[in-house]
C-alpha cells in the first residue's frame, strides 16, 4: 500500500488496521482524484493478499470507504490514533467508530449505507 500511495505522488504518514479495516493518513497530491487512489490501493492490495496466501480469510474490500480531511496541527494526534487501533477497537466496533467519525465531521448519513 505504501508503494501505491508513493506511486500516486502522495506521502503516507501512517498506516495500521485491525481484522476488518485499515486507516491511512496520507496527503493527496492535487493531480490525484481520491477515488482513483482508493481504487488503486484496493485493487493492488486485494490481488497481493489473495496471491500471497497469508490472508486466507480475506474475501475482498468493502464497496465503499470513508475519507476525512484534517488540520495539519492534528497530524500527531491522528497518527497516535492510527497507531493504537487494537486498543481502540477493544472499546468500539468498526461500525461504531465510523458513525462517530461521521457525526464528528457533521456528516448526515443513512444507516442503510453503512458497513
PDB file of N, CA and C in Angstrom:
ATOM      1  N   UNK A   1       0.828  -1.192   0.000  1.00  0.00           N
ATOM      2  CA  UNK A   1       0.000   0.000   0.000  1.00  0.00           C
ATOM      3  C   UNK A   1       0.868   1.250   0.000  1.00  0.00           C
ATOM      4  N   UNK A   2       1.976   1.173   0.714  1.00  0.00           N
ATOM      5  CA  UNK A   2       2.901   2.308   0.732  1.00  0.00           C
ATOM      6  C   UNK A   2       3.371   2.637  -0.681  1.00  0.00           C
ATOM      7  N   UNK A   3       3.736   1.613  -1.427  1.00  0.00           N
ATOM      8  CA  UNK A   3       4.206   1.818  -2.787  1.00  0.00           C
ATOM      9  C   UNK A   3       3.142   2.433  -3.683  1.00  0.00           C
ATOM     10  N   UNK A   4       1.908   2.036  -3.509  1.00  0.00           N
ATOM     11  CA  UNK A   4       0.819   2.576  -4.318  1.00  0.00           C
ATOM     12  C   UNK A   4       0.608   4.050  -4.000  1.00  0.00           C
ATOM     13  N   UNK A   5       0.640   4.382  -2.721  1.00  0.00           N
ATOM     14  CA  UNK A   5       0.489   5.779  -2.306  1.00  0.00           C
ATOM     15  C   UNK A   5       1.624   6.613  -2.903  1.00  0.00           C
ATOM     16  N   UNK A   6       2.849   6.112  -2.783  1.00  0.00           N
ATOM     17  CA  UNK A   6       4.005   6.846  -3.318  1.00  0.00           C
ATOM     18  C   UNK A   6       3.943   6.955  -4.835  1.00  0.00           C
ATOM     19  N   UNK A   7       3.514   5.896  -5.513  1.00  0.00           N
ATOM     20  CA  UNK A   7       3.397   5.916  -6.978  1.00  0.00           C
ATOM     21  C   UNK A   7       2.421   7.001  -7.434  1.00  0.00           C
ATOM     22  N   UNK A   8       1.441   7.315  -6.590  1.00  0.00           N
ATOM     23  CA  UNK A   8       0.456   8.353  -6.894  1.00  0.00           C
ATOM     24  C   UNK A   8       0.895   9.729  -6.400  1.00  0.00           C
ATOM     25  N   UNK A   9       2.195   9.883  -6.120  1.00  0.00           N
ATOM     26  CA  UNK A   9       2.784  11.154  -5.707  1.00  0.00           C
ATOM     27  C   UNK A   9       2.234  11.673  -4.377  1.00  0.00           C
ATOM     28  N   UNK A  10       1.805  10.762  -3.530  1.00  0.00           N
ATOM     29  CA  UNK A  10       1.303  11.127  -2.208  1.00  0.00           C
ATOM     30  C   UNK A  10       2.306  10.653  -1.160  1.00  0.00           C
ATOM     31  N   UNK A  11       2.185  11.159   0.041  1.00  0.00           N
ATOM     32  CA  UNK A  11       3.066  10.741   1.135  1.00  0.00           C
ATOM     33  C   UNK A  11       2.235  10.033   2.200  1.00  0.00           C
ATOM     34  N   UNK A  12       2.648   8.827   2.549  1.00  0.00           N
ATOM     35  CA  UNK A  12       1.964   8.064   3.592  1.00  0.00           C
ATOM     36  C   UNK A  12       2.625   8.365   4.938  1.00  0.00           C
ATOM     37  N   UNK A  13       1.860   8.927   5.847  1.00  0.00           N
ATOM     38  CA  UNK A  13       2.377   9.248   7.178  1.00  0.00           C
ATOM     39  C   UNK A  13       2.189   8.091   8.138  1.00  0.00           C
ATOM     40  N   UNK A  14       1.072   7.379   8.016  1.00  0.00           N
ATOM     41  CA  UNK A  14       0.804   6.284   8.951  1.00  0.00           C
ATOM     42  C   UNK A  14      -0.217   5.335   8.324  1.00  0.00           C
ATOM     43  N   UNK A  15      -0.033   4.039   8.630  1.00  0.00           N
ATOM     44  CA  UNK A  15      -0.998   3.013   8.235  1.00  0.00           C
ATOM     45  C   UNK A  15      -1.071   1.985   9.357  1.00  0.00           C
ATOM     46  N   UNK A  16      -2.270   1.541   9.659  1.00  0.00           N
ATOM     47  CA  UNK A  16      -2.473   0.481  10.643  1.00  0.00           C
ATOM     48  C   UNK A  16      -3.912   0.013  10.502  1.00  0.00           C
ATOM     49  N   UNK A  17      -4.178  -1.134  11.014  1.00  0.00           N
ATOM     50  CA  UNK A  17      -5.535  -1.640  10.924  1.00  0.00           C
ATOM     51  C   UNK A  17      -5.776  -2.795  11.868  1.00  0.00           C
ATOM     52  N   UNK A  18      -6.980  -3.281  11.790  1.00  0.00           N
ATOM     53  CA  UNK A  18      -7.409  -4.457  12.553  1.00  0.00           C
ATOM     54  C   UNK A  18      -8.019  -5.433  11.544  1.00  0.00           C
ATOM     55  N   UNK A  19      -8.647  -6.471  12.037  1.00  0.00           N
ATOM     56  CA  UNK A  19      -9.074  -7.552  11.145  1.00  0.00           C
ATOM     57  C   UNK A  19     -10.073  -7.147  10.070  1.00  0.00           C
ATOM     58  N   UNK A  20     -10.807  -6.065  10.240  1.00  0.00           N
ATOM     59  CA  UNK A  20     -11.845  -5.754   9.256  1.00  0.00           C
ATOM     60  C   UNK A  20     -11.709  -4.388   8.579  1.00  0.00           C
ATOM     61  N   UNK A  21     -10.658  -3.643   8.853  1.00  0.00           N
ATOM     62  CA  UNK A  21     -10.451  -2.373   8.161  1.00  0.00           C
ATOM     63  C   UNK A  21      -9.062  -1.819   8.454  1.00  0.00           C
ATOM     64  N   UNK A  22      -8.684  -0.831   7.650  1.00  0.00           N
ATOM     65  CA  UNK A  22      -7.405  -0.147   7.862  1.00  0.00           C
ATOM     66  C   UNK A  22      -7.633   1.352   7.905  1.00  0.00           C
ATOM     67  N   UNK A  23      -6.659   2.043   8.472  1.00  0.00           N
ATOM     68  CA  UNK A  23      -6.625   3.506   8.462  1.00  0.00           C
ATOM     69  C   UNK A  23      -5.324   3.920   7.789  1.00  0.00           C
ATOM     70  N   UNK A  24      -5.416   4.919   6.926  1.00  0.00           N
ATOM     71  CA  UNK A  24      -4.257   5.517   6.290  1.00  0.00           C
ATOM     72  C   UNK A  24      -4.284   7.009   6.571  1.00  0.00           C
ATOM     73  N   UNK A  25      -3.154   7.566   6.905  1.00  0.00           N
ATOM     74  CA  UNK A  25      -3.018   9.015   6.975  1.00  0.00           C
ATOM     75  C   UNK A  25      -2.040   9.390   5.876  1.00  0.00           C
ATOM     76  N   UNK A  26      -2.547  10.085   4.897  1.00  0.00           N
ATOM     77  CA  UNK A  26      -1.741  10.449   3.740  1.00  0.00           C
ATOM     78  C   UNK A  26      -2.125  11.836   3.269  1.00  0.00           C
ATOM     79  N   UNK A  27      -1.197  12.478   2.595  1.00  0.00           N
ATOM     80  CA  UNK A  27      -1.604  13.679   1.884  1.00  0.00           C
ATOM     81  C   UNK A  27      -2.112  13.236   0.520  1.00  0.00           C
ATOM     82  N   UNK A  28      -2.730  14.115  -0.201  1.00  0.00           N
ATOM     83  CA  UNK A  28      -3.284  13.792  -1.511  1.00  0.00           C
ATOM     84  C   UNK A  28      -2.744  14.796  -2.518  1.00  0.00           C
ATOM     85  N   UNK A  29      -1.970  14.301  -3.466  1.00  0.00           N
ATOM     86  CA  UNK A  29      -1.401  15.184  -4.489  1.00  0.00           C
ATOM     87  C   UNK A  29      -2.545  15.839  -5.261  1.00  0.00           C
ATOM     88  N   UNK A  30      -2.425  17.118  -5.598  1.00  0.00           N
ATOM     89  CA  UNK A  30      -3.532  17.830  -6.248  1.00  0.00           C
ATOM     90  C   UNK A  30      -3.972  17.254  -7.592  1.00  0.00           C
ATOM     91  N   UNK A  31      -3.120  16.463  -8.229  1.00  0.00           N
ATOM     92  CA  UNK A  31      -3.489  15.892  -9.526  1.00  0.00           C
ATOM     93  C   UNK A  31      -4.142  14.511  -9.407  1.00  0.00           C
ATOM     94  N   UNK A  32      -4.263  13.997  -8.181  1.00  0.00           N
ATOM     95  CA  UNK A  32      -4.769  12.632  -7.980  1.00  0.00           C
ATOM     96  C   UNK A  32      -6.169  12.671  -7.377  1.00  0.00           C
ATOM     97  N   UNK A  33      -7.170  12.181  -8.106  1.00  0.00           N
ATOM     98  CA  UNK A  33      -8.511  12.089  -7.521  1.00  0.00           C
ATOM     99  C   UNK A  33      -8.533  11.040  -6.395  1.00  0.00           C
ATOM    100  N   UNK A  34      -9.159  11.381  -5.297  1.00  0.00           N
ATOM    101  CA  UNK A  34      -9.229  10.474  -4.147  1.00  0.00           C
ATOM    102  C   UNK A  34      -9.782   9.107  -4.549  1.00  0.00           C
ATOM    103  N   UNK A  35     -10.851   9.074  -5.315  1.00  0.00           N
ATOM    104  CA  UNK A  35     -11.459   7.797  -5.712  1.00  0.00           C
ATOM    105  C   UNK A  35     -10.467   6.927  -6.483  1.00  0.00           C
ATOM    106  N   UNK A  36      -9.619   7.537  -7.304  1.00  0.00           N
ATOM    107  CA  UNK A  36      -8.619   6.769  -8.048  1.00  0.00           C
ATOM    108  C   UNK A  36      -7.567   6.188  -7.113  1.00  0.00           C
ATOM    109  N   UNK A  37      -7.134   6.970  -6.140  1.00  0.00           N
ATOM    110  CA  UNK A  37      -6.154   6.473  -5.173  1.00  0.00           C
ATOM    111  C   UNK A  37      -6.723   5.285  -4.395  1.00  0.00           C
ATOM    112  N   UNK A  38      -7.941   5.404  -3.915  1.00  0.00           N
ATOM    113  CA  UNK A  38      -8.565   4.311  -3.159  1.00  0.00           C
ATOM    114  C   UNK A  38      -8.725   3.083  -4.042  1.00  0.00           C
ATOM    115  N   UNK A  39      -9.174   3.283  -5.280  1.00  0.00           N
ATOM    116  CA  UNK A  39      -9.335   2.160  -6.215  1.00  0.00           C
ATOM    117  C   UNK A  39      -7.998   1.444  -6.423  1.00  0.00           C
ATOM    118  N   UNK A  40      -6.928   2.199  -6.633  1.00  0.00           N
ATOM    119  CA  UNK A  40      -5.602   1.604  -6.837  1.00  0.00           C
ATOM    120  C   UNK A  40      -5.152   0.819  -5.613  1.00  0.00           C
ATOM    121  N   UNK A  41      -5.361   1.384  -4.431  1.00  0.00           N
ATOM    122  CA  UNK A  41      -4.969   0.713  -3.193  1.00  0.00           C
ATOM    123  C   UNK A  41      -5.754  -0.579  -3.019  1.00  0.00           C
ATOM    124  N   UNK A  42      -7.071  -0.510  -3.187  1.00  0.00           N
ATOM    125  CA  UNK A  42      -7.905  -1.701  -3.002  1.00  0.00           C
ATOM    126  C   UNK A  42      -7.581  -2.792  -4.022  1.00  0.00           C
ATOM    127  N   UNK A  43      -7.426  -2.416  -5.267  1.00  0.00           N
ATOM    128  CA  UNK A  43      -7.178  -3.388  -6.319  1.00  0.00           C
ATOM    129  C   UNK A  43      -5.841  -4.104  -6.112  1.00  0.00           C
ATOM    130  N   UNK A  44      -4.783  -3.341  -5.970  1.00  0.00           N
ATOM    131  CA  UNK A  44      -3.450  -3.944  -5.838  1.00  0.00           C
ATOM    132  C   UNK A  44      -3.309  -4.738  -4.539  1.00  0.00           C
ATOM    133  N   UNK A  45      -3.843  -4.215  -3.430  1.00  0.00           N
ATOM    134  CA  UNK A  45      -3.708  -4.937  -2.162  1.00  0.00           C
ATOM    135  C   UNK A  45      -4.565  -6.200  -2.155  1.00  0.00           C
ATOM    136  N   UNK A  46      -5.732  -6.165  -2.797  1.00  0.00           N
ATOM    137  CA  UNK A  46      -6.567  -7.375  -2.905  1.00  0.00           C
ATOM    138  C   UNK A  46      -5.825  -8.462  -3.670  1.00  0.00           C
ATOM    139  N   UNK A  47      -5.256  -8.076  -4.791  1.00  0.00           N
ATOM    140  CA  UNK A  47      -4.518  -9.049  -5.600  1.00  0.00           C
ATOM    141  C   UNK A  47      -3.352  -9.632  -4.814  1.00  0.00           C
ATOM    142  N   UNK A  48      -2.626  -8.768  -4.115  1.00  0.00           N
ATOM    143  CA  UNK A  48      -1.471  -9.234  -3.357  1.00  0.00           C
ATOM    144  C   UNK A  48      -1.891 -10.156  -2.209  1.00  0.00           C
ATOM    145  N   UNK A  49      -2.929  -9.774  -1.471  1.00  0.00           N
ATOM    146  CA  UNK A  49      -3.357 -10.594  -0.329  1.00  0.00           C
ATOM    147  C   UNK A  49      -3.846 -11.965  -0.779  1.00  0.00           C
ATOM    148  N   UNK A  50      -4.586 -12.012  -1.861  1.00  0.00           N
ATOM    149  CA  UNK A  50      -5.083 -13.297  -2.361  1.00  0.00           C
ATOM    150  C   UNK A  50      -3.938 -14.158  -2.887  1.00  0.00           C
ATOM    151  N   UNK A  51      -2.995 -13.539  -3.579  1.00  0.00           N
ATOM    152  CA  UNK A  51      -1.871 -14.264  -4.163  1.00  0.00           C
ATOM    153  C   UNK A  51      -0.879 -14.752  -3.109  1.00  0.00           C
ATOM    154  N   UNK A  52      -0.688 -13.971  -2.045  1.00  0.00           N
ATOM    155  CA  UNK A  52       0.320 -14.304  -1.036  1.00  0.00           C
ATOM    156  C   UNK A  52      -0.030 -15.541  -0.222  1.00  0.00           C
ATOM    157  N   UNK A  53      -1.320 -15.807  -0.082  1.00  0.00           N
ATOM    158  CA  UNK A  53      -1.743 -16.948   0.731  1.00  0.00           C
ATOM    159  C   UNK A  53      -1.689 -16.699   2.230  1.00  0.00           C
ATOM    160  N   UNK A  54      -1.285 -15.513   2.638  1.00  0.00           N
ATOM    161  CA  UNK A  54      -1.163 -15.188   4.062  1.00  0.00           C
ATOM    162  C   UNK A  54      -2.478 -14.714   4.678  1.00  0.00           C
ATOM    163  N   UNK A  55      -3.467 -14.447   3.839  1.00  0.00           N
ATOM    164  CA  UNK A  55      -4.727 -13.879   4.318  1.00  0.00           C
ATOM    165  C   UNK A  55      -5.888 -14.736   3.817  1.00  0.00           C
ATOM    166  N   UNK A  56      -5.933 -15.971   4.279  1.00  0.00           N
ATOM    167  CA  UNK A  56      -6.912 -16.928   3.761  1.00  0.00           C
ATOM    168  C   UNK A  56      -8.364 -16.504   4.003  1.00  0.00           C
ATOM    169  N   UNK A  57      -8.612 -15.708   5.024  1.00  0.00           N
ATOM    170  CA  UNK A  57      -9.981 -15.273   5.320  1.00  0.00           C
ATOM    171  C   UNK A  57     -10.392 -14.042   4.501  1.00  0.00           C
ATOM    172  N   UNK A  58      -9.450 -13.427   3.808  1.00  0.00           N
ATOM    173  CA  UNK A  58      -9.751 -12.206   3.045  1.00  0.00           C
ATOM    174  C   UNK A  58     -10.589 -12.545   1.826  1.00  0.00           C
ATOM    175  N   UNK A  59     -11.751 -11.913   1.734  1.00  0.00           N
ATOM    176  CA  UNK A  59     -12.651 -12.137   0.598  1.00  0.00           C
ATOM    177  C   UNK A  59     -12.731 -10.909  -0.306  1.00  0.00           C
ATOM    178  N   UNK A  60     -12.197  -9.807   0.115  1.00  0.00           N
ATOM    179  CA  UNK A  60     -12.215  -8.586  -0.668  1.00  0.00           C
ATOM    180  C   UNK A  60     -12.575  -7.405   0.210  1.00  0.00           C
ATOM    181  N   UNK A  61     -12.255  -6.215  -0.293  1.00  0.00           N
ATOM    182  CA  UNK A  61     -12.565  -4.987   0.429  1.00  0.00           C
ATOM    183  C   UNK A  61     -14.046  -4.662   0.310  1.00  0.00           C
ATOM    184  N   UNK A  62     -14.536  -3.897   1.239  1.00  0.00           N
ATOM    185  CA  UNK A  62     -15.909  -3.399   1.165  1.00  0.00           C
ATOM    186  C   UNK A  62     -16.049  -2.499  -0.058  1.00  0.00           C
ATOM    187  N   UNK A  63     -17.267  -2.303  -0.493  1.00  0.00           N
ATOM    188  CA  UNK A  63     -17.515  -1.495  -1.680  1.00  0.00           C
ATOM    189  C   UNK A  63     -17.146  -0.029  -1.474  1.00  0.00           C
ATOM    190  N   UNK A  64     -17.424   0.520  -0.323  1.00  0.00           N
ATOM    191  CA  UNK A  64     -17.188   1.938  -0.085  1.00  0.00           C
ATOM    192  C   UNK A  64     -15.941   2.202   0.732  1.00  0.00           C
ATOM    193  N   UNK A  65     -15.828   3.451   1.169  1.00  0.00           N
ATOM    194  CA  UNK A  65     -14.716   3.872   2.017  1.00  0.00           C
ATOM    195  C   UNK A  65     -15.094   5.189   2.667  1.00  0.00           C
ATOM    196  N   UNK A  66     -14.369   5.551   3.690  1.00  0.00           N
ATOM    197  CA  UNK A  66     -14.537   6.852   4.317  1.00  0.00           C
ATOM    198  C   UNK A  66     -13.242   7.626   4.176  1.00  0.00           C
ATOM    199  N   UNK A  67     -13.351   8.904   3.909  1.00  0.00           N
ATOM    200  CA  UNK A  67     -12.167   9.768   3.801  1.00  0.00           C
ATOM    201  C   UNK A  67     -12.478  11.086   4.491  1.00  0.00           C
ATOM    202  N   UNK A  68     -11.563  11.524   5.314  1.00  0.00           N
ATOM    203  CA  UNK A  68     -11.755  12.737   6.100  1.00  0.00           C
ATOM    204  C   UNK A  68     -10.531  13.626   5.969  1.00  0.00           C
ATOM    205  N   UNK A  69     -10.743  14.924   5.945  1.00  0.00           N
ATOM    206  CA  UNK A  69      -9.629  15.860   5.961  1.00  0.00           C
ATOM    207  C   UNK A  69      -9.266  16.158   7.413  1.00  0.00           C
ATOM    208  N   UNK A  70      -8.105  16.715   7.616  1.00  0.00           N
ATOM    209  CA  UNK A  70      -7.654  17.041   8.958  1.00  0.00           C
ATOM    210  C   UNK A  70      -6.848  18.324   8.926  1.00  0.00           C
ATOM    211  N   UNK A  71      -6.740  18.947  10.078  1.00  0.00           N
ATOM    212  CA  UNK A  71      -5.878  20.117  10.216  1.00  0.00           C
ATOM    213  C   UNK A  71      -4.449  19.630  10.454  1.00  0.00           C
ATOM    214  N   UNK A  72      -3.500  20.269   9.821  1.00  0.00           N
ATOM    215  CA  UNK A  72      -2.102  19.858   9.963  1.00  0.00           C
ATOM    216  C   UNK A  72      -1.683  19.808  11.428  1.00  0.00           C
ATOM    217  N   UNK A  73      -2.212  20.707  12.234  1.00  0.00           N
ATOM    218  CA  UNK A  73      -1.844  20.733  13.664  1.00  0.00           C
ATOM    219  C   UNK A  73      -2.288  19.470  14.389  1.00  0.00           C
ATOM    220  N   UNK A  74      -3.236  18.703  13.810  1.00  0.00           N
ATOM    221  CA  UNK A  74      -3.738  17.471  14.434  1.00  0.00           C
ATOM    222  C   UNK A  74      -3.033  16.215  13.924  1.00  0.00           C
ATOM    223  N   UNK A  75      -2.016  16.377  13.099  1.00  0.00           N
ATOM    224  CA  UNK A  75      -1.354  15.219  12.486  1.00  0.00           C
ATOM    225  C   UNK A  75      -0.826  14.219  13.513  1.00  0.00           C
ATOM    226  N   UNK A  76      -0.145  14.672  14.537  1.00  0.00           N
ATOM    227  CA  UNK A  76       0.403  13.759  15.564  1.00  0.00           C
ATOM    228  C   UNK A  76      -0.718  13.019  16.294  1.00  0.00           C
ATOM    229  N   UNK A  77      -1.775  13.724  16.611  1.00  0.00           N
ATOM    230  CA  UNK A  77      -2.925  13.116  17.298  1.00  0.00           C
ATOM    231  C   UNK A  77      -3.535  12.003  16.434  1.00  0.00           C
ATOM    232  N   UNK A  78      -3.660  12.255  15.151  1.00  0.00           N
ATOM    233  CA  UNK A  78      -4.238  11.264  14.243  1.00  0.00           C
ATOM    234  C   UNK A  78      -3.294  10.081  14.065  1.00  0.00           C
ATOM    235  N   UNK A  79      -2.001  10.331  13.978  1.00  0.00           N
ATOM    236  CA  UNK A  79      -1.045   9.227  13.870  1.00  0.00           C
ATOM    237  C   UNK A  79      -1.094   8.349  15.119  1.00  0.00           C
ATOM    238  N   UNK A  80      -1.214   8.953  16.290  1.00  0.00           N
ATOM    239  CA  UNK A  80      -1.342   8.172  17.524  1.00  0.00           C
ATOM    240  C   UNK A  80      -2.621   7.350  17.533  1.00  0.00           C
ATOM    241  N   UNK A  81      -3.709   7.946  17.056  1.00  0.00           N
ATOM    242  CA  UNK A  81      -4.983   7.240  16.955  1.00  0.00           C
ATOM    243  C   UNK A  81      -4.835   6.018  16.045  1.00  0.00           C
ATOM    244  N   UNK A  82      -4.194   6.198  14.915  1.00  0.00           N
ATOM    245  CA  UNK A  82      -3.991   5.088  13.979  1.00  0.00           C
ATOM    246  C   UNK A  82      -3.069   4.037  14.583  1.00  0.00           C
ATOM    247  N   UNK A  83      -2.033   4.458  15.284  1.00  0.00           N
ATOM    248  CA  UNK A  83      -1.117   3.509  15.921  1.00  0.00           C
ATOM    249  C   UNK A  83      -1.810   2.613  16.937  1.00  0.00           C
ATOM    250  N   UNK A  84      -2.845   3.118  17.575  1.00  0.00           N
ATOM    251  CA  UNK A  84      -3.497   2.401  18.682  1.00  0.00           C
ATOM    252  C   UNK A  84      -4.822   1.758  18.289  1.00  0.00           C
ATOM    253  N   UNK A  85      -4.936   1.272  17.075  1.00  0.00           N
ATOM    254  CA  UNK A  85      -6.187   0.676  16.614  1.00  0.00           C
ATOM    255  C   UNK A  85      -6.625  -0.531  17.444  1.00  0.00           C
ATOM    256  N   UNK A  86      -5.689  -1.387  17.808  1.00  0.00           N
ATOM    257  CA  UNK A  86      -6.045  -2.585  18.564  1.00  0.00           C
ATOM    258  C   UNK A  86      -6.688  -2.217  19.903  1.00  0.00           C
ATOM    259  N   UNK A  87      -6.119  -1.248  20.582  1.00  0.00           N
ATOM    260  CA  UNK A  87      -6.666  -0.805  21.868  1.00  0.00           C
ATOM    261  C   UNK A  87      -8.015  -0.130  21.651  1.00  0.00           C
ATOM    262  N   UNK A  88      -8.072   0.736  20.670  1.00  0.00           N
ATOM    263  CA  UNK A  88      -9.291   1.485  20.386  1.00  0.00           C
ATOM    264  C   UNK A  88     -10.451   0.545  20.077  1.00  0.00           C
ATOM    265  N   UNK A  89     -10.199  -0.505  19.308  1.00  0.00           N
ATOM    266  CA  UNK A  89     -11.282  -1.401  18.914  1.00  0.00           C
ATOM    267  C   UNK A  89     -11.610  -2.446  19.977  1.00  0.00           C
ATOM    268  N   UNK A  90     -10.923  -2.393  21.077  1.00  0.00           N
ATOM    269  CA  UNK A  90     -11.350  -3.166  22.227  1.00  0.00           C
ATOM    270  C   UNK A  90     -12.547  -2.504  22.898  1.00  0.00           C
ATOM    271  N   UNK A  91     -12.780  -1.234  22.554  1.00  0.00           N
ATOM    272  CA  UNK A  91     -13.861  -0.449  23.155  1.00  0.00           C
ATOM    273  C   UNK A  91     -15.019  -0.207  22.199  1.00  0.00           C
ATOM    274  N   UNK A  92     -14.738  -0.134  20.894  1.00  0.00           N
ATOM    275  CA  UNK A  92     -15.762   0.193  19.894  1.00  0.00           C
ATOM    276  C   UNK A  92     -15.632  -0.723  18.686  1.00  0.00           C
ATOM    277  N   UNK A  93     -16.752  -1.035  18.077  1.00  0.00           N
ATOM    278  CA  UNK A  93     -16.723  -1.778  16.822  1.00  0.00           C
ATOM    279  C   UNK A  93     -16.335  -0.827  15.692  1.00  0.00           C
ATOM    280  N   UNK A  94     -16.007  -1.399  14.560  1.00  0.00           N
ATOM    281  CA  UNK A  94     -15.674  -0.583  13.386  1.00  0.00           C
ATOM    282  C   UNK A  94     -16.848   0.298  12.988  1.00  0.00           C
ATOM    283  N   UNK A  95     -18.029  -0.261  13.037  1.00  0.00           N
ATOM    284  CA  UNK A  95     -19.228   0.495  12.671  1.00  0.00           C
ATOM    285  C   UNK A  95     -19.454   1.666  13.632  1.00  0.00           C
ATOM    286  N   UNK A  96     -19.307   1.422  14.934  1.00  0.00           N
ATOM    287  CA  UNK A  96     -19.454   2.493  15.919  1.00  0.00           C
ATOM    288  C   UNK A  96     -18.410   3.584  15.686  1.00  0.00           C
ATOM    289  N   UNK A  97     -17.193   3.172  15.406  1.00  0.00           N
ATOM    290  CA  UNK A  97     -16.124   4.132  15.144  1.00  0.00           C
ATOM    291  C   UNK A  97     -16.467   4.988  13.924  1.00  0.00           C
ATOM    292  N   UNK A  98     -16.908   4.340  12.846  1.00  0.00           N
ATOM    293  CA  UNK A  98     -17.229   5.068  11.630  1.00  0.00           C
ATOM    294  C   UNK A  98     -18.371   6.053  11.858  1.00  0.00           C
ATOM    295  N   UNK A  99     -19.393   5.628  12.569  1.00  0.00           N
ATOM    296  CA  UNK A  99     -20.513   6.523  12.885  1.00  0.00           C
ATOM    297  C   UNK A  99     -20.037   7.719  13.700  1.00  0.00           C
ATOM    298  N   UNK A 100     -19.181   7.473  14.677  1.00  0.00           N
ATOM    299  CA  UNK A 100     -18.636   8.572  15.480  1.00  0.00           C
ATOM    300  C   UNK A 100     -17.863   9.561  14.616  1.00  0.00           C
ATOM    301  N   UNK A 101     -17.062   9.049  13.685  1.00  0.00           N
ATOM    302  CA  UNK A 101     -16.300   9.928  12.795  1.00  0.00           C
ATOM    303  C   UNK A 101     -17.239  10.744  11.904  1.00  0.00           C
ATOM    304  N   UNK A 102     -18.295  10.123  11.417  1.00  0.00           N
ATOM    305  CA  UNK A 102     -19.263  10.852  10.594  1.00  0.00           C
ATOM    306  C   UNK A 102     -19.949  11.954  11.392  1.00  0.00           C
ATOM    307  N   UNK A 103     -20.361  11.639  12.607  1.00  0.00           N
ATOM    308  CA  UNK A 103     -21.020  12.633  13.462  1.00  0.00           C
ATOM    309  C   UNK A 103     -20.055  13.773  13.773  1.00  0.00           C
ATOM    310  N   UNK A 104     -18.818  13.423  14.124  1.00  0.00           N
ATOM    311  CA  UNK A 104     -17.812  14.443  14.440  1.00  0.00           C
ATOM    312  C   UNK A 104     -17.568  15.374  13.251  1.00  0.00           C
ATOM    313  N   UNK A 105     -17.637  14.823  12.030  1.00  0.00           N
ATOM    314  CA  UNK A 105     -17.410  15.621  10.827  1.00  0.00           C
ATOM    315  C   UNK A 105     -18.670  16.334  10.356  1.00  0.00           C
ATOM    316  N   UNK A 106     -19.784  16.120  11.049  1.00  0.00           N
ATOM    317  CA  UNK A 106     -21.023  16.785  10.686  1.00  0.00           C
ATOM    318  C   UNK A 106     -21.691  16.204   9.449  1.00  0.00           C
ATOM    319  N   UNK A 107     -21.433  14.927   9.180  1.00  0.00           N
ATOM    320  CA  UNK A 107     -21.999  14.273   8.003  1.00  0.00           C
ATOM    321  C   UNK A 107     -23.358  13.678   8.350  1.00  0.00           C
ATOM    322  N   UNK A 108     -24.351  14.034   7.565  1.00  0.00           N
ATOM    323  CA  UNK A 108     -25.692  13.463   7.716  1.00  0.00           C
ATOM    324  C   UNK A 108     -25.709  12.154   6.919  1.00  0.00           C
ATOM    325  N   UNK A 109     -25.807  11.020   7.588  1.00  0.00           N
ATOM    326  CA  UNK A 109     -25.704   9.733   6.911  1.00  0.00           C
ATOM    327  C   UNK A 109     -26.966   8.899   7.111  1.00  0.00           C
ATOM    328  N   UNK A 110     -27.106   7.904   6.272  1.00  0.00           N
ATOM    329  CA  UNK A 110     -28.216   6.965   6.347  1.00  0.00           C
ATOM    330  C   UNK A 110     -27.684   5.603   6.759  1.00  0.00           C
ATOM    331  N   UNK A 111     -28.302   4.993   7.754  1.00  0.00           N
ATOM    332  CA  UNK A 111     -27.862   3.708   8.283  1.00  0.00           C
ATOM    333  C   UNK A 111     -27.690   2.649   7.189  1.00  0.00           C
ATOM    334  N   UNK A 112     -28.569   2.655   6.213  1.00  0.00           N
ATOM    335  CA  UNK A 112     -28.531   1.597   5.191  1.00  0.00           C
ATOM    336  C   UNK A 112     -27.258   1.621   4.349  1.00  0.00           C
ATOM    337  N   UNK A 113     -26.533   2.737   4.343  1.00  0.00           N
ATOM    338  CA  UNK A 113     -25.308   2.833   3.562  1.00  0.00           C
ATOM    339  C   UNK A 113     -24.062   2.506   4.358  1.00  0.00           C
ATOM    340  N   UNK A 114     -24.206   2.193   5.633  1.00  0.00           N
ATOM    341  CA  UNK A 114     -23.057   1.905   6.472  1.00  0.00           C
ATOM    342  C   UNK A 114     -22.643   0.438   6.341  1.00  0.00           C
ATOM    343  N   UNK A 115     -21.377   0.193   6.608  1.00  0.00           N
ATOM    344  CA  UNK A 115     -20.888  -1.199   6.539  1.00  0.00           C
ATOM    345  C   UNK A 115     -21.470  -2.051   7.656  1.00  0.00           C
TER     346      UNK A 115
END
